[in-house]
C-alpha atoms as a PDB file:
ATOM      1  CA  MET A   1       5.875 247.648  29.022  1.00  0.00           C
ATOM      2  CA  ALA A   2       7.323 249.541  31.969  1.00  0.00           C
ATOM      3  CA  ASN A   3       8.823 252.968  31.606  1.00  0.00           C
ATOM      4  CA  ASP A   4      12.515 252.410  32.445  1.00  0.00           C
ATOM      5  CA  ARG A   5      13.627 255.980  31.783  1.00  0.00           C
ATOM      6  CA  LYS A   6      15.175 257.664  34.774  1.00  0.00           C
ATOM      7  CA  GLY A   7      14.606 261.308  35.550  1.00  0.00           C
ATOM      8  CA  TRP A   8      17.112 263.777  36.903  1.00  0.00           C
ATOM      9  CA  ALA A   9      15.887 263.211  40.476  1.00  0.00           C
ATOM     10  CA  ASP A  10      16.658 259.480  40.258  1.00  0.00           C
ATOM     11  CA  LYS A  11      20.410 260.028  40.014  1.00  0.00           C
ATOM     12  CA  PRO A  12      22.139 259.853  43.430  1.00  0.00           C
ATOM     13  CA  GLU A  13      24.506 262.736  42.660  1.00  0.00           C
ATOM     14  CA  ASN A  14      21.559 265.020  41.836  1.00  0.00           C
ATOM     15  CA  ARG A  15      19.734 264.054  45.034  1.00  0.00           C
ATOM     16  CA  ARG A  16      22.892 264.771  47.002  1.00  0.00           C
ATOM     17  CA  THR A  17      23.249 268.172  45.311  1.00  0.00           C
ATOM     18  CA  VAL A  18      19.629 269.151  45.988  1.00  0.00           C
ATOM     19  CA  ARG A  19      19.951 268.052  49.618  1.00  0.00           C
ATOM     20  CA  LEU A  20      23.174 270.061  50.006  1.00  0.00           C
ATOM     21  CA  VAL A  21      21.568 273.176  48.493  1.00  0.00           C
ATOM     22  CA  LEU A  22      18.598 272.855  50.858  1.00  0.00           C
ATOM     23  CA  TYR A  23      20.886 272.431  53.875  1.00  0.00           C
ATOM     24  CA  ILE A  24      22.893 275.493  52.871  1.00  0.00           C
ATOM     25  CA  ALA A  25      19.685 277.505  52.388  1.00  0.00           C
ATOM     26  CA  CYS A  26      18.473 276.485  55.852  1.00  0.00           C
ATOM     27  CA  VAL A  27      21.767 277.440  57.485  1.00  0.00           C
ATOM     28  CA  LEU A  28      21.825 280.796  55.676  1.00  0.00           C
ATOM     29  CA  LEU A  29      18.272 281.562  56.773  1.00  0.00           C
ATOM     30  CA  VAL A  30      19.063 280.761  60.393  1.00  0.00           C
ATOM     31  CA  LEU A  31      22.219 282.898  60.216  1.00  0.00           C
ATOM     32  CA  ALA A  32      20.248 285.746  58.643  1.00  0.00           C
ATOM     33  CA  ASP A  33      17.961 285.625  61.654  1.00  0.00           C
ATOM     34  CA  PHE A  34      20.813 286.988  63.776  1.00  0.00           C
ATOM     35  CA  PHE A  35      21.254 290.067  61.554  1.00  0.00           C
ATOM     36  CA  VAL A  36      17.717 290.981  60.439  1.00  0.00           C
ATOM     37  CA  HIS A  37      15.671 293.122  62.801  1.00  0.00           C
ATOM     38  CA  ARG A  38      12.215 291.666  63.375  1.00  0.00           C
ATOM     39  CA  HIS A  39       9.281 293.528  64.859  1.00  0.00           C
ATOM     40  CA  ALA A  40       8.440 290.838  67.377  1.00  0.00           C
ATOM     41  CA  GLU A  41       5.219 291.098  69.314  1.00  0.00           C
ATOM     42  CA  MET A  42       5.742 288.171  71.655  1.00  0.00           C
ATOM     43  CA  PRO A  43       8.834 287.743  73.863  1.00  0.00           C
ATOM     44  CA  ALA A  44       9.515 284.270  72.449  1.00  0.00           C
ATOM     45  CA  GLU A  45       9.896 285.710  68.951  1.00  0.00           C
ATOM     46  CA  LYS A  46      12.994 287.591  70.077  1.00  0.00           C
ATOM     47  CA  VAL A  47      14.887 284.322  70.646  1.00  0.00           C
ATOM     48  CA  PRO A  48      17.402 283.731  67.838  1.00  0.00           C
ATOM     49  CA  ALA A  49      16.288 281.019  65.390  1.00  0.00           C
ATOM     50  CA  PHE A  50      12.846 280.952  67.036  1.00  0.00           C
ATOM     51  CA  TYR A  51      11.029 280.310  63.769  1.00  0.00           C
ATOM     52  CA  ALA A  52      13.381 277.476  62.810  1.00  0.00           C
ATOM     53  CA  TRP A  53      12.776 275.754  66.147  1.00  0.00           C
ATOM     54  CA  TYR A  54       9.047 276.471  65.983  1.00  0.00           C
ATOM     55  CA  GLY A  55       8.833 274.922  62.515  1.00  0.00           C
ATOM     56  CA  PHE A  56      10.847 271.862  63.529  1.00  0.00           C
ATOM     57  CA  ILE A  57       8.779 271.253  66.658  1.00  0.00           C
ATOM     58  CA  SER A  58       5.571 271.716  64.658  1.00  0.00           C
ATOM     59  CA  LEU A  59       6.754 269.189  62.065  1.00  0.00           C
ATOM     60  CA  VAL A  60       7.546 266.622  64.761  1.00  0.00           C
ATOM     61  CA  ALA A  61       4.135 267.223  66.367  1.00  0.00           C
ATOM     62  CA  VAL A  62       2.324 266.699  63.053  1.00  0.00           C
ATOM     63  CA  VAL A  63       4.219 263.464  62.329  1.00  0.00           C
ATOM     64  CA  LEU A  64       3.587 262.052  65.815  1.00  0.00           C
ATOM     65  CA  SER A  65      -0.092 262.993  65.735  1.00  0.00           C
ATOM     66  CA  ALA A  66      -0.411 261.360  62.304  1.00  0.00           C
ATOM     67  CA  LYS A  67       1.005 258.127  63.723  1.00  0.00           C
ATOM     68  CA  VAL A  68      -1.561 258.190  66.528  1.00  0.00           C
ATOM     69  CA  LEU A  69      -4.375 259.042  64.111  1.00  0.00           C
ATOM     70  CA  ARG A  70      -3.330 256.164  61.833  1.00  0.00           C
ATOM     71  CA  MET A  71      -3.775 253.698  64.697  1.00  0.00           C
ATOM     72  CA  ILE A  72      -7.269 255.064  65.299  1.00  0.00           C
ATOM     73  CA  VAL A  73      -8.596 255.077  61.715  1.00  0.00           C
ATOM     74  CA  LYS A  74      -6.763 252.187  60.041  1.00  0.00           C
ATOM     75  CA  ARG A  75      -8.736 249.317  58.582  1.00  0.00           C
ATOM     76  CA  PRO A  76      -7.912 245.604  58.651  1.00  0.00           C
ATOM     77  CA  GLU A  77      -5.767 244.338  55.787  1.00  0.00           C
ATOM     78  CA  ASP A  78      -8.667 242.485  54.157  1.00  0.00           C
ATOM     79  CA  TYR A  79     -11.233 245.283  54.608  1.00  0.00           C
ATOM     80  CA  TYR A  80     -11.828 245.804  50.874  1.00  0.00           C
ATOM     81  CA  ASP A  81     -11.719 242.131  49.852  1.00  0.00           C
ATOM     82  CA  ASP A  82     -14.746 240.778  48.009  1.00  0.00           C
ATOM     83  CA  ALA A  83     -17.082 238.732  50.157  1.00  0.00           C
ATOM     84  CA  SER A  84     -18.131 236.595  47.166  1.00  0.00           C
END
């Protein structure tokens, strides 16, 4: 018997609310970057929203490298099939 109960994260309105809260938090953090004094050691760190851009570019790099790595290490579809 399958468990047909739905959790709070399965409701579309709750997913929309969580997504909206996360977007607002991201925007507020980027805006706070303009007002908070940072003790930057590298010149690039003085650029407004540097850490947001750095994180986004790092995420894209990880996803693209994972796609390349998947092509290298993937197995054929029938790799684990029984030979008997």
